[in-house]
Amino acid sequence: MKNLVEPIKNKKDLEKIENYLAMRNERNRLIFAFGINTGLRVSDILGLNIDDVDGKNYVEIKEKKTRKYKRFPLNSKLKVLIKDYLQNERCKKYSLSETQPLFIGKKHCRLDRSQVYRFLNEACENLCINANVGTHTMRKSFGYHFYKKYNDVALLQKILNHSSPAITLRYIGIAQEEIDFSYNNFEL
């Protein structure tokens, strides 16, 4: 079986990763926080411009993969992180224009998904978090924890833009988890 990217199922591990990233790079922390708080694909996170989020209560995008319109609120945590990033970090390195990319690299270009992959894997490796981590780990972690909190697969399916509840459950690793649980708790 191929190595599938997994969600990070332990909330303390998510906190450790975010704290690790915050100590090293506010941009990377904000990318991670965006992923685990919104369930956006990394391509959509990296596609954000400053004017998509600055001073906004809602984000409105056209998803790159599905080409579908998506609108969602920014939670209070993300609002604070965005404001701090724009005021304290982003403006120190590059001049700010509303239409500029929110996340840029050293060469003043929009950040690439491979850079996100690298910093996520480095964080997990340094924190001894054993999971098959990739850029989709953020989205899957959002889905997993959303499902665990609300137990509403239909709503999560809609948020993630999946075609069926079964796909959503498999995507976030719930189907296998429930199978394992039932085997471990069944005896004749």
Protein backbone atom coordinates (compact mmCIF):
# COMPACT_ATOMS: atom_id res chain seq x y z
CA MET A 1 0.00 0.00 0.00
CA LYS A 2 1.35 3.44 -0.85
CA ASN A 3 2.15 5.90 1.91
CA LEU A 4 -0.84 8.18 2.20
CA VAL A 5 -0.55 11.56 3.83
CA GLU A 6 -2.19 11.43 7.25
CA PRO A 7 -3.98 13.90 9.47
CA ILE A 8 -2.33 14.76 12.76
CA LYS A 9 -4.85 13.34 15.19
CA ASN A 10 -3.33 14.54 18.45
CA LYS A 11 -4.20 18.18 19.22
CA LYS A 12 -1.08 18.55 21.36
CA ASP A 13 1.03 17.63 18.33
CA LEU A 14 -0.72 20.35 16.30
CA GLU A 15 0.10 22.84 19.08
CA LYS A 16 3.73 21.67 19.15
CA ILE A 17 4.06 22.16 15.40
CA GLU A 18 2.49 25.62 15.51
CA ASN A 19 4.73 26.68 18.43
CA TYR A 20 7.80 25.28 16.67
CA LEU A 21 6.95 27.24 13.52
CA ALA A 22 6.18 30.42 15.50
CA MET A 23 9.66 30.33 17.01
CA ARG A 24 11.26 30.12 13.57
CA ASN A 25 9.08 31.85 11.01
CA GLU A 26 5.78 33.72 11.41
CA ARG A 27 4.91 33.22 7.74
CA ASN A 28 5.15 29.45 8.08
CA ARG A 29 3.14 29.53 11.29
CA LEU A 30 0.37 31.48 9.57
CA ILE A 31 0.31 29.06 6.63
CA PHE A 32 0.01 26.14 9.06
CA ALA A 33 -2.67 27.91 11.12
CA PHE A 34 -4.60 28.66 7.92
CA GLY A 35 -4.48 25.03 6.88
CA ILE A 36 -5.63 23.54 10.17
CA ASN A 37 -8.29 26.20 10.80
CA THR A 38 -9.89 26.43 7.36
CA GLY A 39 -9.33 23.12 5.59
CA LEU A 40 -8.15 24.92 2.45
CA ARG A 41 -5.86 23.12 0.05
CA VAL A 42 -2.30 24.43 0.13
CA SER A 43 -2.69 25.74 -3.44
CA ASP A 44 -5.58 27.92 -2.27
CA ILE A 45 -3.69 29.13 0.81
CA LEU A 46 -0.66 30.07 -1.27
CA GLY A 47 -2.94 31.70 -3.84
CA LEU A 48 -4.21 34.26 -1.32
CA ASN A 49 -3.38 37.91 -1.82
CA ILE A 50 -3.14 40.50 0.94
CA ASP A 51 -6.50 42.05 0.00
CA ASP A 52 -8.19 38.64 0.34
CA VAL A 53 -7.60 38.65 4.11
CA ASP A 54 -6.47 42.06 5.40
CA GLY A 55 -9.17 43.47 7.67
CA LYS A 56 -11.69 40.90 6.43
CA ASN A 57 -14.17 38.81 8.36
CA TYR A 58 -14.71 36.44 5.44
CA VAL A 59 -12.50 35.04 2.72
CA GLU A 60 -13.93 34.54 -0.76
CA ILE A 61 -11.98 32.49 -3.29
CA LYS A 62 -12.41 30.36 -6.35
CA GLU A 63 -10.83 27.01 -5.51
CA LYS A 64 -7.97 26.17 -7.84
CA LYS A 65 -8.78 22.45 -8.06
CA THR A 66 -12.57 22.53 -8.34
CA ARG A 67 -12.99 26.06 -9.77
CA LYS A 68 -15.88 26.42 -7.30
CA TYR A 69 -16.62 29.56 -5.32
CA LYS A 70 -15.90 29.25 -1.60
CA ARG A 71 -16.70 31.70 1.18
CA PHE A 72 -15.81 31.14 4.82
CA PRO A 73 -15.32 33.24 7.95
CA LEU A 74 -11.94 33.89 9.50
CA ASN A 75 -11.91 32.84 13.14
CA SER A 76 -10.54 35.22 15.76
CA LYS A 77 -7.22 33.38 15.96
CA LEU A 78 -6.57 33.77 12.23
CA LYS A 79 -7.57 37.44 12.29
CA VAL A 80 -4.96 38.14 14.99
CA LEU A 81 -2.26 36.10 13.24
CA ILE A 82 -2.93 37.82 9.90
CA LYS A 83 -2.81 41.28 11.46
CA ASP A 84 0.41 40.51 13.35
CA TYR A 85 2.03 38.95 10.29
CA LEU A 86 1.19 41.91 8.05
CA GLN A 87 2.24 44.51 10.62
CA ASN A 88 5.30 42.87 12.11
CA GLU A 89 6.70 40.41 9.63
CA ARG A 90 5.58 40.83 6.05
CA CYS A 91 6.04 44.62 5.90
CA LYS A 92 9.63 44.40 7.21
CA LYS A 93 10.77 42.32 4.27
CA TYR A 94 8.80 43.65 1.33
CA SER A 95 6.64 46.63 0.53
CA LEU A 96 2.97 45.87 0.87
CA SER A 97 0.44 46.27 -1.90
CA GLU A 98 -3.09 44.94 -1.54
CA THR A 99 -2.85 42.86 -4.69
CA GLN A 100 0.45 41.23 -3.76
CA PRO A 101 0.61 37.59 -2.65
CA LEU A 102 0.15 37.11 1.07
CA PHE A 103 2.94 34.54 1.22
CA ILE A 104 6.17 35.12 -0.67
CA GLY A 105 9.61 33.61 -0.54
CA LYS A 106 13.12 35.02 -0.58
CA LYS A 107 13.00 35.80 -4.28
CA HIS A 108 9.87 37.96 -3.90
CA CYS A 109 7.76 35.32 -5.65
CA ARG A 110 4.65 33.56 -4.44
CA LEU A 111 5.62 30.72 -2.11
CA ASP A 112 5.68 27.24 -3.62
CA ARG A 113 4.02 24.14 -2.16
CA SER A 114 7.37 22.33 -2.01
CA GLN A 115 8.58 24.92 0.52
CA VAL A 116 5.52 24.22 2.67
CA TYR A 117 6.18 20.49 2.39
CA ARG A 118 9.76 21.03 3.57
CA PHE A 119 8.95 23.14 6.63
CA LEU A 120 6.13 20.80 7.72
CA ASN A 121 8.33 17.74 7.44
CA GLU A 122 11.21 19.47 9.21
CA ALA A 123 8.93 20.48 12.09
CA CYS A 124 7.49 16.97 12.48
CA GLU A 125 10.91 15.38 12.26
CA ASN A 126 12.40 17.72 14.88
CA LEU A 127 9.39 17.21 17.17
CA CYS A 128 9.46 13.39 16.71
CA ILE A 129 5.92 13.36 15.35
CA ASN A 130 5.62 10.10 13.45
CA ALA A 131 3.12 10.58 10.66
CA ASN A 132 3.19 10.54 6.89
CA VAL A 133 3.21 14.31 6.53
CA GLY A 134 2.62 16.36 3.42
CA THR A 135 0.91 19.58 2.52
CA HIS A 136 -2.48 17.83 2.64
CA THR A 137 -1.81 16.97 6.29
CA MET A 138 -3.11 20.40 7.28
CA ARG A 139 -6.40 19.93 5.38
CA LYS A 140 -6.83 16.38 6.65
CA SER A 141 -6.09 17.47 10.23
CA PHE A 142 -8.78 20.15 9.94
CA GLY A 143 -11.22 17.54 8.64
CA TYR A 144 -10.38 15.00 11.31
CA HIS A 145 -10.76 17.42 14.22
CA PHE A 146 -13.88 19.03 12.73
CA TYR A 147 -15.49 15.60 12.44
CA LYS A 148 -14.46 14.61 15.97
CA LYS A 149 -15.92 17.83 17.39
CA TYR A 150 -19.19 18.02 15.44
CA ASN A 151 -19.68 14.42 14.19
CA ASP A 152 -21.33 15.91 11.08
CA VAL A 153 -19.96 14.17 8.01
CA ALA A 154 -22.47 15.84 5.67
CA LEU A 155 -21.35 19.33 6.67
CA LEU A 156 -17.68 18.36 6.49
CA GLN A 157 -18.26 16.82 3.05
CA LYS A 158 -19.69 20.15 1.91
CA ILE A 159 -16.80 22.15 3.45
CA LEU A 160 -14.19 19.93 1.82
CA ASN A 161 -16.14 19.77 -1.44
CA HIS A 162 -16.19 15.97 -1.58
CA SER A 163 -18.69 13.99 -3.62
CA SER A 164 -19.75 11.54 -0.89
CA PRO A 165 -19.60 11.02 2.89
CA ALA A 166 -17.60 7.82 2.37
CA ILE A 167 -14.88 9.74 0.54
CA THR A 168 -14.77 12.31 3.33
CA LEU A 169 -14.45 9.69 6.06
CA ARG A 170 -11.74 7.82 4.17
CA TYR A 171 -9.94 11.10 3.44
CA ILE A 172 -9.64 12.01 7.12
CA GLY A 173 -8.78 8.47 8.23
CA ILE A 174 -12.00 7.82 10.12
CA ALA A 175 -13.15 4.75 8.20
CA GLN A 176 -10.03 2.73 9.08
CA GLU A 177 -10.05 4.07 12.64
CA GLU A 178 -13.64 2.88 13.13
CA ILE A 179 -12.87 -0.51 11.60
CA ASP A 180 -9.88 -0.93 13.94
CA PHE A 181 -12.00 0.10 16.93
CA SER A 182 -14.75 -2.37 16.08
CA TYR A 183 -12.23 -5.24 15.68
CA ASN A 184 -10.52 -4.38 18.94
CA ASN A 185 -13.83 -4.31 20.80
CA PHE A 186 -15.39 -7.46 19.33
CA GLU A 187 -15.01 -10.91 20.80
CA LEU A 188 -17.03 -14.13 20.49
